Amino acid sequence: MKYFPIYLDAKHINAMIIGGGEVAARKIELLLKSTTNISIMSETLNSSVERLVNLHQLNWLKHNYQPGHLSKSNIVIAATDSVEVNSAVAAESTQLKLLTNVVDQPELCTYITPAIIDRSPIIISMSSSGSAPILLRMLREQIEKTLPNGYGKLADFSFKFRDHVKARVKSLRERRTFWERTLRGSIGQAILDGKTTSAEQQLIASLQTQAPPPSGEIVFIHTRDGNPDHLTLNAHREMQFADAVFYDQAVNIDLIEYIRRDASKFPQAIASSILINVQHALDLAEQGEKVIYLLSGAVDLPENKTLAESAIITKHIYSGN
């Protein structure tokens, strides 16, 4: 990755905007979604910036850029129409090791602002690393259309009951199963429909019903051509809920990005067509874990008596072209 994605805690932001025009206004409006700890350095302000300064009582340094005013900031945005001024701001800010953004001059930036979909507290940010802004806009439009506006309410609901669920549902995997069932089912739909009281009553009732712990299983995913774009929805869902994944050197490594990030990963030195690591996979499944075994192509597995005689649930998914 050319850029490392990261989210900053808004309560620690101290931003300085150099410039008072329309570009500065857009940057200020974005920052105001998180903080009012913003200073503007510009001799003049256009009507949009002036309105924001007055409405949110922002700090206004009533002069154009002068060095020596950045040391108390940790984010600096140069938003003037002067290449020389922007370059000078970047030089000072970078020397002070501050997060620096220079509008339309990525070579002077130490960070760039991603495209953002705001379903607060759910925040989705995307970037093309500056290579394809039109493609990025198209992707954002697609996601915006498929993401209900009420998704933030689901997140708030989950946070409100997180400790209650943790106290009643002990294991991590059981909690993941519980929350998936809750948010995908009638309770989640009630939240999206604005029926919060009903959703809360249903959740409390479900916590009082002791659900059996999830059973371990081994899911063999035959990846055929290995193209991540050809993953079926079924395969993708299984991979997202994996506790562990096994794969050999013939498997396209890009597929590992689709596995749940904190799943345990076990690369295998021996080709799966010769030998699969059955005992290790069974041991994990017997502990209640969902084990994904990625296989290149669509070849049949070598026969294994231990696997055949095991009571652990196994299934095969063929995904790809």
C-alpha atoms as a PDB file:
ATOM      1  CA  MET A   1       0.000   0.000   0.000  1.00  0.00           C
ATOM      2  CA  LYS A   2       1.280   3.434  -0.919  1.00  0.00           C
ATOM      3  CA  TYR A   3      -0.811   5.017   1.862  1.00  0.00           C
ATOM      4  CA  PHE A   4      -1.403   3.510   5.291  1.00  0.00           C
ATOM      5  CA  PRO A   5      -5.083   3.880   6.329  1.00  0.00           C
ATOM      6  CA  ILE A   6      -5.627   5.191   9.833  1.00  0.00           C
ATOM      7  CA  TYR A   7      -8.343   6.908  11.886  1.00  0.00           C
ATOM      8  CA  LEU A   8      -7.409   9.773  14.216  1.00  0.00           C
ATOM      9  CA  ASP A   9      -9.150  10.307  17.542  1.00  0.00           C
ATOM     10  CA  ALA A  10     -10.961  13.618  17.027  1.00  0.00           C
ATOM     11  CA  LYS A  11     -10.382  14.818  20.576  1.00  0.00           C
ATOM     12  CA  HIS A  12      -6.650  15.056  19.843  1.00  0.00           C
ATOM     13  CA  ILE A  13      -6.969  17.018  16.587  1.00  0.00           C
ATOM     14  CA  ASN A  14      -5.601  20.555  16.464  1.00  0.00           C
ATOM     15  CA  ALA A  15      -5.911  21.683  12.870  1.00  0.00           C
ATOM     16  CA  MET A  16      -4.510  24.732  11.065  1.00  0.00           C
ATOM     17  CA  ILE A  17      -5.990  25.771   7.717  1.00  0.00           C
ATOM     18  CA  ILE A  18      -3.958  28.149   5.574  1.00  0.00           C
ATOM     19  CA  GLY A  19      -6.310  30.007   3.260  1.00  0.00           C
ATOM     20  CA  GLY A  20      -9.767  31.553   3.399  1.00  0.00           C
ATOM     21  CA  GLY A  21     -11.387  30.595   0.098  1.00  0.00           C
ATOM     22  CA  GLU A  22     -13.825  27.952  -1.094  1.00  0.00           C
ATOM     23  CA  VAL A  23     -11.283  25.110  -0.909  1.00  0.00           C
ATOM     24  CA  ALA A  24     -10.559  26.028   2.693  1.00  0.00           C
ATOM     25  CA  ALA A  25     -14.308  26.081   3.392  1.00  0.00           C
ATOM     26  CA  ARG A  26     -14.681  22.489   2.166  1.00  0.00           C
ATOM     27  CA  LYS A  27     -11.783  21.337   4.352  1.00  0.00           C
ATOM     28  CA  ILE A  28     -13.224  23.135   7.386  1.00  0.00           C
ATOM     29  CA  GLU A  29     -16.669  21.619   6.830  1.00  0.00           C
ATOM     30  CA  LEU A  30     -15.129  18.137   6.768  1.00  0.00           C
ATOM     31  CA  LEU A  31     -13.123  18.730   9.942  1.00  0.00           C
ATOM     32  CA  LEU A  32     -16.209  20.121  11.693  1.00  0.00           C
ATOM     33  CA  LYS A  33     -17.776  16.659  11.500  1.00  0.00           C
ATOM     34  CA  SER A  34     -15.223  15.684  14.168  1.00  0.00           C
ATOM     35  CA  THR A  35     -13.844  18.777  15.924  1.00  0.00           C
ATOM     36  CA  THR A  36     -14.050  22.542  16.373  1.00  0.00           C
ATOM     37  CA  ASN A  37     -10.403  22.755  17.369  1.00  0.00           C
ATOM     38  CA  ILE A  38      -9.578  24.530  14.111  1.00  0.00           C
ATOM     39  CA  SER A  39      -7.557  27.644  13.327  1.00  0.00           C
ATOM     40  CA  ILE A  40      -7.655  29.561  10.039  1.00  0.00           C
ATOM     41  CA  MET A  41      -4.719  31.654   8.878  1.00  0.00           C
ATOM     42  CA  SER A  42      -5.753  34.141   6.183  1.00  0.00           C
ATOM     43  CA  GLU A  43      -5.994  37.914   5.915  1.00  0.00           C
ATOM     44  CA  THR A  44      -9.410  37.672   4.269  1.00  0.00           C
ATOM     45  CA  LEU A  45     -12.204  35.108   4.389  1.00  0.00           C
ATOM     46  CA  ASN A  46     -14.877  34.445   1.835  1.00  0.00           C
ATOM     47  CA  SER A  47     -18.480  34.366   3.012  1.00  0.00           C
ATOM     48  CA  SER A  48     -18.536  30.569   3.486  1.00  0.00           C
ATOM     49  CA  VAL A  49     -15.447  30.491   5.716  1.00  0.00           C
ATOM     50  CA  GLU A  50     -16.559  33.588   7.613  1.00  0.00           C
ATOM     51  CA  ARG A  51     -19.912  31.966   8.359  1.00  0.00           C
ATOM     52  CA  LEU A  52     -18.202  28.809   9.677  1.00  0.00           C
ATOM     53  CA  VAL A  53     -15.787  30.839  11.815  1.00  0.00           C
ATOM     54  CA  ASN A  54     -18.618  32.812  13.397  1.00  0.00           C
ATOM     55  CA  LEU A  55     -21.015  29.885  13.788  1.00  0.00           C
ATOM     56  CA  HIS A  56     -18.473  27.589  15.462  1.00  0.00           C
ATOM     57  CA  GLN A  57     -16.285  30.279  17.085  1.00  0.00           C
ATOM     58  CA  LEU A  58     -13.162  29.077  15.301  1.00  0.00           C
ATOM     59  CA  ASN A  59      -9.779  30.721  15.851  1.00  0.00           C
ATOM     60  CA  TRP A  60      -8.950  33.216  13.082  1.00  0.00           C
ATOM     61  CA  LEU A  61      -5.395  34.466  12.587  1.00  0.00           C
ATOM     62  CA  LYS A  62      -6.088  37.611  10.531  1.00  0.00           C
ATOM     63  CA  HIS A  63      -3.011  37.567   8.356  1.00  0.00           C
ATOM     64  CA  ASN A  64      -1.739  35.555   5.434  1.00  0.00           C
ATOM     65  CA  TYR A  65       0.742  32.734   5.958  1.00  0.00           C
ATOM     66  CA  GLN A  66       3.666  33.560   8.204  1.00  0.00           C
ATOM     67  CA  PRO A  67       6.091  30.923   9.527  1.00  0.00           C
ATOM     68  CA  GLY A  68       6.183  30.237  13.244  1.00  0.00           C
ATOM     69  CA  HIS A  69       2.477  29.588  13.877  1.00  0.00           C
ATOM     70  CA  LEU A  70       2.267  25.843  13.272  1.00  0.00           C
ATOM     71  CA  SER A  71       3.998  24.333  16.279  1.00  0.00           C
ATOM     72  CA  LYS A  72       0.803  23.953  18.337  1.00  0.00           C
ATOM     73  CA  SER A  73      -1.016  22.165  15.519  1.00  0.00           C
ATOM     74  CA  ASN A  74      -0.813  18.510  14.569  1.00  0.00           C
ATOM     75  CA  ILE A  75      -2.668  18.747  11.241  1.00  0.00           C
ATOM     76  CA  VAL A  76      -1.868  21.431   8.694  1.00  0.00           C
ATOM     77  CA  ILE A  77      -3.810  22.014   5.483  1.00  0.00           C
ATOM     78  CA  ALA A  78      -2.496  24.410   2.847  1.00  0.00           C
ATOM     79  CA  ALA A  79      -5.506  25.576   0.822  1.00  0.00           C
ATOM     80  CA  THR A  80      -4.340  28.755  -0.913  1.00  0.00           C
ATOM     81  CA  ASP A  81      -4.213  29.422  -4.666  1.00  0.00           C
ATOM     82  CA  SER A  82      -0.483  30.142  -4.474  1.00  0.00           C
ATOM     83  CA  VAL A  83       1.931  27.318  -5.277  1.00  0.00           C
ATOM     84  CA  GLU A  84       4.729  29.222  -3.546  1.00  0.00           C
ATOM     85  CA  VAL A  85       2.766  29.715  -0.327  1.00  0.00           C
ATOM     86  CA  ASN A  86       1.557  26.107  -0.272  1.00  0.00           C
ATOM     87  CA  SER A  87       5.122  24.884  -0.793  1.00  0.00           C
ATOM     88  CA  ALA A  88       6.388  27.064   2.049  1.00  0.00           C
ATOM     89  CA  VAL A  89       3.644  25.791   4.364  1.00  0.00           C
ATOM     90  CA  ALA A  90       4.502  22.189   3.456  1.00  0.00           C
ATOM     91  CA  ALA A  91       8.204  22.778   4.077  1.00  0.00           C
ATOM     92  CA  GLU A  92       7.621  24.189   7.568  1.00  0.00           C
ATOM     93  CA  SER A  93       4.960  21.651   8.487  1.00  0.00           C
ATOM     94  CA  THR A  94       6.986  18.671   7.297  1.00  0.00           C
ATOM     95  CA  GLN A  95      10.056  19.892   9.177  1.00  0.00           C
ATOM     96  CA  LEU A  96       7.921  19.949  12.332  1.00  0.00           C
ATOM     97  CA  LYS A  97       6.774  16.363  11.510  1.00  0.00           C
ATOM     98  CA  LEU A  98       3.112  17.394  11.333  1.00  0.00           C
ATOM     99  CA  LEU A  99       0.436  15.721   9.259  1.00  0.00           C
ATOM    100  CA  THR A 100       0.436  17.844   6.123  1.00  0.00           C
ATOM    101  CA  ASN A 101      -2.049  18.141   3.294  1.00  0.00           C
ATOM    102  CA  VAL A 102      -1.524  20.471   0.350  1.00  0.00           C
ATOM    103  CA  VAL A 103      -4.578  20.728  -1.863  1.00  0.00           C
ATOM    104  CA  ASP A 104      -3.965  19.446  -5.414  1.00  0.00           C
ATOM    105  CA  GLN A 105      -0.238  18.900  -4.749  1.00  0.00           C
ATOM    106  CA  PRO A 106       0.037  15.297  -3.516  1.00  0.00           C
ATOM    107  CA  GLU A 107       3.827  15.346  -3.816  1.00  0.00           C
ATOM    108  CA  LEU A 108       3.877  17.818  -0.895  1.00  0.00           C
ATOM    109  CA  CYS A 109       1.435  15.842   1.284  1.00  0.00           C
ATOM    110  CA  THR A 110       2.256  13.486   4.131  1.00  0.00           C
ATOM    111  CA  TYR A 111      -1.396  12.373   4.137  1.00  0.00           C
ATOM    112  CA  ILE A 112      -4.351  12.534   1.777  1.00  0.00           C
ATOM    113  CA  THR A 113      -8.049  12.715   2.611  1.00  0.00           C
ATOM    114  CA  PRO A 114     -10.015   9.639   1.487  1.00  0.00           C
ATOM    115  CA  ALA A 115     -13.493   9.513   0.022  1.00  0.00           C
ATOM    116  CA  ILE A 116     -15.829   9.127   2.989  1.00  0.00           C
ATOM    117  CA  ILE A 117     -19.226   7.510   3.508  1.00  0.00           C
ATOM    118  CA  ASP A 118     -20.592   8.730   6.829  1.00  0.00           C
ATOM    119  CA  ARG A 119     -23.042   6.511   8.686  1.00  0.00           C
ATOM    120  CA  SER A 120     -21.711   7.659  12.027  1.00  0.00           C
ATOM    121  CA  PRO A 121     -20.459   5.904  14.063  1.00  0.00           C
ATOM    122  CA  ILE A 122     -19.868   3.656  11.022  1.00  0.00           C
ATOM    123  CA  ILE A 123     -17.300   5.424   8.837  1.00  0.00           C
ATOM    124  CA  ILE A 124     -16.201   4.006   5.490  1.00  0.00           C
ATOM    125  CA  SER A 125     -13.177   5.595   3.852  1.00  0.00           C
ATOM    126  CA  MET A 126     -11.764   4.750   0.435  1.00  0.00           C
ATOM    127  CA  SER A 127      -8.799   5.824  -1.620  1.00  0.00           C
ATOM    128  CA  SER A 128      -7.353   5.109  -5.038  1.00  0.00           C
ATOM    129  CA  SER A 129      -3.982   6.387  -3.742  1.00  0.00           C
ATOM    130  CA  GLY A 130      -4.488   9.359  -6.049  1.00  0.00           C
ATOM    131  CA  SER A 131      -4.443   7.188  -9.170  1.00  0.00           C
ATOM    132  CA  ALA A 132      -8.093   7.054 -10.252  1.00  0.00           C
ATOM    133  CA  PRO A 133     -10.421   9.625  -8.655  1.00  0.00           C
ATOM    134  CA  ILE A 134     -13.251   8.961 -11.143  1.00  0.00           C
ATOM    135  CA  LEU A 135     -13.148   5.220 -10.448  1.00  0.00           C
ATOM    136  CA  LEU A 136     -13.159   5.981  -6.718  1.00  0.00           C
ATOM    137  CA  ARG A 137     -16.222   8.203  -7.111  1.00  0.00           C
ATOM    138  CA  MET A 138     -18.007   5.427  -9.014  1.00  0.00           C
ATOM    139  CA  LEU A 139     -17.198   2.941  -6.244  1.00  0.00           C
ATOM    140  CA  ARG A 140     -18.424   5.333  -3.589  1.00  0.00           C
ATOM    141  CA  GLU A 141     -21.719   5.785  -5.445  1.00  0.00           C
ATOM    142  CA  GLN A 142     -22.209   2.012  -5.600  1.00  0.00           C
ATOM    143  CA  ILE A 143     -21.611   1.571  -1.869  1.00  0.00           C
ATOM    144  CA  GLU A 144     -23.794   4.570  -0.966  1.00  0.00           C
ATOM    145  CA  LYS A 145     -26.729   2.983  -2.824  1.00  0.00           C
ATOM    146  CA  THR A 146     -26.425  -0.337  -0.992  1.00  0.00           C
ATOM    147  CA  LEU A 147     -25.764   0.974   2.523  1.00  0.00           C
ATOM    148  CA  PRO A 148     -28.943   1.891   4.450  1.00  0.00           C
ATOM    149  CA  ASN A 149     -28.898   5.292   6.096  1.00  0.00           C
ATOM    150  CA  GLY A 150     -29.765   3.689   9.430  1.00  0.00           C
ATOM    151  CA  TYR A 151     -26.607   1.573   9.677  1.00  0.00           C
ATOM    152  CA  GLY A 152     -25.247   3.960  12.280  1.00  0.00           C
ATOM    153  CA  LYS A 153     -28.249   3.123  14.477  1.00  0.00           C
ATOM    154  CA  LEU A 154     -27.264  -0.540  14.318  1.00  0.00           C
ATOM    155  CA  ALA A 155     -23.797   0.371  15.552  1.00  0.00           C
ATOM    156  CA  ASP A 156     -25.192   2.492  18.410  1.00  0.00           C
ATOM    157  CA  PHE A 157     -27.524  -0.345  19.381  1.00  0.00           C
ATOM    158  CA  SER A 158     -24.654  -2.855  19.394  1.00  0.00           C
ATOM    159  CA  PHE A 159     -22.542  -0.577  21.577  1.00  0.00           C
ATOM    160  CA  LYS A 160     -25.395  -0.029  24.045  1.00  0.00           C
ATOM    161  CA  PHE A 161     -25.821  -3.773  24.626  1.00  0.00           C
ATOM    162  CA  ARG A 162     -22.217  -4.878  24.112  1.00  0.00           C
ATOM    163  CA  ASP A 163     -21.432  -5.382  27.805  1.00  0.00           C
ATOM    164  CA  HIS A 164     -24.762  -7.126  28.445  1.00  0.00           C
ATOM    165  CA  VAL A 165     -24.095  -9.603  25.645  1.00  0.00           C
ATOM    166  CA  LYS A 166     -20.499 -10.127  26.747  1.00  0.00           C
ATOM    167  CA  ALA A 167     -21.675 -10.954  30.267  1.00  0.00           C
ATOM    168  CA  ARG A 168     -24.175 -13.555  29.042  1.00  0.00           C
ATOM    169  CA  VAL A 169     -22.406 -14.986  25.987  1.00  0.00           C
ATOM    170  CA  LYS A 170     -18.931 -16.006  27.064  1.00  0.00           C
ATOM    171  CA  SER A 171     -16.930 -17.170  24.056  1.00  0.00           C
ATOM    172  CA  LEU A 172     -15.810 -14.878  21.251  1.00  0.00           C
ATOM    173  CA  ARG A 173     -17.165 -17.143  18.540  1.00  0.00           C
ATOM    174  CA  GLU A 174     -20.550 -17.478  20.263  1.00  0.00           C
ATOM    175  CA  ARG A 175     -20.770 -13.680  20.505  1.00  0.00           C
ATOM    176  CA  ARG A 176     -19.969 -13.290  16.819  1.00  0.00           C
ATOM    177  CA  THR A 177     -22.704 -15.795  15.987  1.00  0.00           C
ATOM    178  CA  PHE A 178     -25.141 -14.063  18.351  1.00  0.00           C
ATOM    179  CA  TRP A 179     -24.517 -10.621  16.899  1.00  0.00           C
ATOM    180  CA  GLU A 180     -24.689 -11.851  13.313  1.00  0.00           C
ATOM    181  CA  ARG A 181     -28.047 -13.502  13.982  1.00  0.00           C
ATOM    182  CA  THR A 182     -29.260 -10.404  15.830  1.00  0.00           C
ATOM    183  CA  LEU A 183     -28.233  -7.774  13.296  1.00  0.00           C
ATOM    184  CA  ARG A 184     -29.249  -9.800  10.227  1.00  0.00           C
ATOM    185  CA  GLY A 185     -32.607 -10.828  11.675  1.00  0.00           C
ATOM    186  CA  SER A 186     -35.800  -9.215  12.917  1.00  0.00           C
ATOM    187  CA  ILE A 187     -34.011  -7.211  15.622  1.00  0.00           C
ATOM    188  CA  GLY A 188     -31.720  -5.515  13.122  1.00  0.00           C
ATOM    189  CA  GLN A 189     -34.637  -4.815  10.806  1.00  0.00           C
ATOM    190  CA  ALA A 190     -36.585  -3.278  13.689  1.00  0.00           C
ATOM    191  CA  ILE A 191     -33.689  -0.892  14.323  1.00  0.00           C
ATOM    192  CA  LEU A 192     -33.587   0.129  10.654  1.00  0.00           C
ATOM    193  CA  ASP A 193     -37.359   0.652  10.765  1.00  0.00           C
ATOM    194  CA  GLY A 194     -37.027   2.968  13.772  1.00  0.00           C
ATOM    195  CA  LYS A 195     -38.676   0.497  16.195  1.00  0.00           C
ATOM    196  CA  THR A 196     -35.939   0.749  18.808  1.00  0.00           C
ATOM    197  CA  THR A 197     -38.046  -0.220  21.839  1.00  0.00           C
ATOM    198  CA  SER A 198     -39.244  -3.387  20.141  1.00  0.00           C
ATOM    199  CA  ALA A 199     -35.682  -4.258  19.136  1.00  0.00           C
ATOM    200  CA  GLU A 200     -34.426  -3.807  22.690  1.00  0.00           C
ATOM    201  CA  GLN A 201     -37.209  -6.006  24.083  1.00  0.00           C
ATOM    202  CA  GLN A 202     -36.415  -8.729  21.540  1.00  0.00           C
ATOM    203  CA  LEU A 203     -32.707  -8.608  22.370  1.00  0.00           C
ATOM    204  CA  ILE A 204     -33.304  -8.902  26.114  1.00  0.00           C
ATOM    205  CA  ALA A 205     -35.599 -11.865  25.503  1.00  0.00           C
ATOM    206  CA  SER A 206     -33.007 -13.568  23.281  1.00  0.00           C
ATOM    207  CA  LEU A 207     -30.342 -13.151  25.967  1.00  0.00           C
ATOM    208  CA  GLN A 208     -32.574 -14.963  28.440  1.00  0.00           C
ATOM    209  CA  THR A 209     -32.742 -17.955  26.095  1.00  0.00           C
ATOM    210  CA  GLN A 210     -29.581 -20.006  26.379  1.00  0.00           C
ATOM    211  CA  ALA A 211     -28.458 -20.800  22.841  1.00  0.00           C
ATOM    212  CA  PRO A 212     -26.185 -23.804  22.283  1.00  0.00           C
ATOM    213  CA  PRO A 213     -22.571 -22.924  21.469  1.00  0.00           C
ATOM    214  CA  PRO A 214     -21.689 -22.995  17.758  1.00  0.00           C
ATOM    215  CA  SER A 215     -20.226 -26.250  16.512  1.00  0.00           C
ATOM    216  CA  GLY A 216     -16.822 -26.351  14.916  1.00  0.00           C
ATOM    217  CA  GLU A 217     -16.576 -27.160  11.236  1.00  0.00           C
ATOM    218  CA  ILE A 218     -14.125 -27.398   8.349  1.00  0.00           C
ATOM    219  CA  VAL A 219     -15.042 -25.677   5.097  1.00  0.00           C
ATOM    220  CA  PHE A 220     -12.993 -26.638   2.050  1.00  0.00           C
ATOM    221  CA  ILE A 221     -13.142 -23.860  -0.537  1.00  0.00           C
ATOM    222  CA  HIS A 222     -11.948 -24.918  -3.992  1.00  0.00           C
ATOM    223  CA  THR A 223     -10.890 -21.605  -5.533  1.00  0.00           C
ATOM    224  CA  ARG A 224     -10.700 -22.836  -9.143  1.00  0.00           C
ATOM    225  CA  ASP A 225      -9.073 -19.976 -11.132  1.00  0.00           C
ATOM    226  CA  GLY A 226      -8.074 -18.212  -7.892  1.00  0.00           C
ATOM    227  CA  ASN A 227      -9.468 -14.838  -8.984  1.00  0.00           C
ATOM    228  CA  PRO A 228     -10.840 -12.977  -5.916  1.00  0.00           C
ATOM    229  CA  ASP A 229     -13.409 -11.274  -8.166  1.00  0.00           C
ATOM    230  CA  HIS A 230     -14.927 -14.689  -8.860  1.00  0.00           C
ATOM    231  CA  LEU A 231     -15.579 -15.585  -5.225  1.00  0.00           C
ATOM    232  CA  THR A 232     -19.194 -16.572  -4.688  1.00  0.00           C
ATOM    233  CA  LEU A 233     -21.230 -14.850  -1.992  1.00  0.00           C
ATOM    234  CA  ASN A 234     -21.355 -18.119  -0.073  1.00  0.00           C
ATOM    235  CA  ALA A 235     -17.564 -18.491  -0.105  1.00  0.00           C
ATOM    236  CA  HIS A 236     -17.067 -14.852   0.830  1.00  0.00           C
ATOM    237  CA  ARG A 237     -19.400 -15.146   3.804  1.00  0.00           C
ATOM    238  CA  GLU A 238     -17.676 -18.309   5.089  1.00  0.00           C
ATOM    239  CA  MET A 239     -14.281 -16.596   4.816  1.00  0.00           C
ATOM    240  CA  GLN A 240     -15.490 -13.541   6.713  1.00  0.00           C
ATOM    241  CA  PHE A 241     -16.425 -15.685   9.704  1.00  0.00           C
ATOM    242  CA  ALA A 242     -13.325 -17.877   9.766  1.00  0.00           C
ATOM    243  CA  ASP A 243     -11.454 -18.559  12.988  1.00  0.00           C
ATOM    244  CA  ALA A 244      -8.546 -20.196  11.140  1.00  0.00           C
ATOM    245  CA  VAL A 245      -7.436 -20.673   7.563  1.00  0.00           C
ATOM    246  CA  PHE A 246      -5.090 -23.215   5.948  1.00  0.00           C
ATOM    247  CA  TYR A 247      -3.630 -22.758   2.461  1.00  0.00           C
ATOM    248  CA  ASP A 248      -0.688 -23.979   0.408  1.00  0.00           C
ATOM    249  CA  GLN A 249       1.624 -22.138  -1.992  1.00  0.00           C
ATOM    250  CA  ALA A 250      -0.624 -22.813  -4.997  1.00  0.00           C
ATOM    251  CA  VAL A 251      -3.442 -20.692  -3.540  1.00  0.00           C
ATOM    252  CA  ASN A 252      -3.592 -17.084  -4.766  1.00  0.00           C
ATOM    253  CA  ILE A 253      -2.310 -15.122  -1.756  1.00  0.00           C
ATOM    254  CA  ASP A 254      -4.681 -12.247  -2.612  1.00  0.00           C
ATOM    255  CA  LEU A 255      -7.534 -14.437  -1.371  1.00  0.00           C
ATOM    256  CA  ILE A 256      -6.186 -14.201   2.178  1.00  0.00           C
ATOM    257  CA  GLU A 257      -7.280 -10.551   2.226  1.00  0.00           C
ATOM    258  CA  TYR A 258     -10.883 -11.807   2.204  1.00  0.00           C
ATOM    259  CA  ILE A 259     -10.389 -13.871   5.352  1.00  0.00           C
ATOM    260  CA  ARG A 260     -11.465 -12.301   8.650  1.00  0.00           C
ATOM    261  CA  ARG A 261      -8.476 -10.201   9.667  1.00  0.00           C
ATOM    262  CA  ASP A 262      -7.918 -11.698  13.119  1.00  0.00           C
ATOM    263  CA  ALA A 263      -8.300 -15.318  11.995  1.00  0.00           C
ATOM    264  CA  SER A 264      -5.290 -17.573  12.628  1.00  0.00           C
ATOM    265  CA  LYS A 265      -3.390 -18.268   9.395  1.00  0.00           C
ATOM    266  CA  PHE A 266      -1.533 -21.516   8.676  1.00  0.00           C
ATOM    267  CA  PRO A 267       0.415 -21.562   5.381  1.00  0.00           C
ATOM    268  CA  GLN A 268       1.331 -25.120   4.384  1.00  0.00           C
ATOM    269  CA  ALA A 269       4.623 -26.167   2.777  1.00  0.00           C
ATOM    270  CA  ILE A 270       3.177 -29.379   1.292  1.00  0.00           C
ATOM    271  CA  ALA A 271       0.723 -29.139  -1.618  1.00  0.00           C
ATOM    272  CA  SER A 272      -2.860 -29.935  -0.617  1.00  0.00           C
ATOM    273  CA  SER A 273      -3.167 -32.295  -3.576  1.00  0.00           C
ATOM    274  CA  ILE A 274      -0.562 -34.489  -1.843  1.00  0.00           C
ATOM    275  CA  LEU A 275      -1.408 -34.046   1.841  1.00  0.00           C
ATOM    276  CA  ILE A 276      -3.766 -31.880   3.868  1.00  0.00           C
ATOM    277  CA  ASN A 277      -3.084 -30.982   7.484  1.00  0.00           C
ATOM    278  CA  VAL A 278      -6.160 -32.821   8.737  1.00  0.00           C
ATOM    279  CA  GLN A 279      -5.220 -33.351  12.367  1.00  0.00           C
ATOM    280  CA  HIS A 280      -4.473 -29.701  13.064  1.00  0.00           C
ATOM    281  CA  ALA A 281      -7.669 -28.584  11.328  1.00  0.00           C
ATOM    282  CA  LEU A 282      -9.705 -31.174  13.261  1.00  0.00           C
ATOM    283  CA  ASP A 283      -8.163 -30.127  16.572  1.00  0.00           C
ATOM    284  CA  LEU A 284      -9.261 -26.535  15.964  1.00  0.00           C
ATOM    285  CA  ALA A 285     -12.732 -27.556  14.804  1.00  0.00           C
ATOM    286  CA  GLU A 286     -13.178 -29.736  17.891  1.00  0.00           C
ATOM    287  CA  GLN A 287     -12.527 -26.597  19.960  1.00  0.00           C
ATOM    288  CA  GLY A 288     -15.547 -25.011  18.245  1.00  0.00           C
ATOM    289  CA  GLU A 289     -13.672 -23.048  15.579  1.00  0.00           C
ATOM    290  CA  LYS A 290     -14.722 -22.485  11.969  1.00  0.00           C
ATOM    291  CA  VAL A 291     -11.776 -23.662   9.883  1.00  0.00           C
ATOM    292  CA  ILE A 292     -11.404 -22.632   6.246  1.00  0.00           C
ATOM    293  CA  TYR A 293      -9.164 -24.757   4.045  1.00  0.00           C
ATOM    294  CA  LEU A 294      -8.402 -22.930   0.796  1.00  0.00           C
ATOM    295  CA  LEU A 295      -7.580 -25.190  -2.146  1.00  0.00           C
ATOM    296  CA  SER A 296      -6.224 -24.192  -5.521  1.00  0.00           C
ATOM    297  CA  GLY A 297      -8.228 -25.286  -8.551  1.00  0.00           C
ATOM    298  CA  ALA A 298     -10.954 -27.896  -8.164  1.00  0.00           C
ATOM    299  CA  VAL A 299      -9.017 -31.121  -7.666  1.00  0.00           C
ATOM    300  CA  ASP A 300     -10.317 -33.868  -5.388  1.00  0.00           C
ATOM    301  CA  LEU A 301      -8.632 -34.197  -2.014  1.00  0.00           C
ATOM    302  CA  PRO A 302      -6.569 -37.259  -1.199  1.00  0.00           C
ATOM    303  CA  GLU A 303      -8.549 -39.751   0.863  1.00  0.00           C
ATOM    304  CA  ASN A 304      -8.107 -39.402   4.598  1.00  0.00           C
ATOM    305  CA  LYS A 305      -9.515 -41.968   7.028  1.00  0.00           C
ATOM    306  CA  THR A 306      -9.254 -39.676  10.073  1.00  0.00           C
ATOM    307  CA  LEU A 307     -11.305 -36.985   8.342  1.00  0.00           C
ATOM    308  CA  ALA A 308     -13.838 -39.471   7.011  1.00  0.00           C
ATOM    309  CA  GLU A 309     -14.436 -40.976  10.464  1.00  0.00           C
ATOM    310  CA  SER A 310     -14.570 -37.668  12.315  1.00  0.00           C
ATOM    311  CA  ALA A 311     -17.877 -36.314  13.657  1.00  0.00           C
ATOM    312  CA  ILE A 312     -16.834 -32.784  12.705  1.00  0.00           C
ATOM    313  CA  ILE A 313     -19.030 -31.193  10.045  1.00  0.00           C
ATOM    314  CA  THR A 314     -17.225 -30.690   6.746  1.00  0.00           C
ATOM    315  CA  LYS A 315     -18.436 -29.113   3.536  1.00  0.00           C
ATOM    316  CA  HIS A 316     -17.036 -28.213   0.138  1.00  0.00           C
ATOM    317  CA  ILE A 317     -17.611 -24.983  -1.763  1.00  0.00           C
ATOM    318  CA  TYR A 318     -16.517 -24.556  -5.362  1.00  0.00           C
ATOM    319  CA  SER A 319     -15.928 -20.859  -6.006  1.00  0.00           C
ATOM    320  CA  GLY A 320     -14.537 -19.261  -9.129  1.00  0.00           C
ATOM    321  CA  ASN A 321     -14.392 -19.856 -12.870  1.00  0.00           C
END
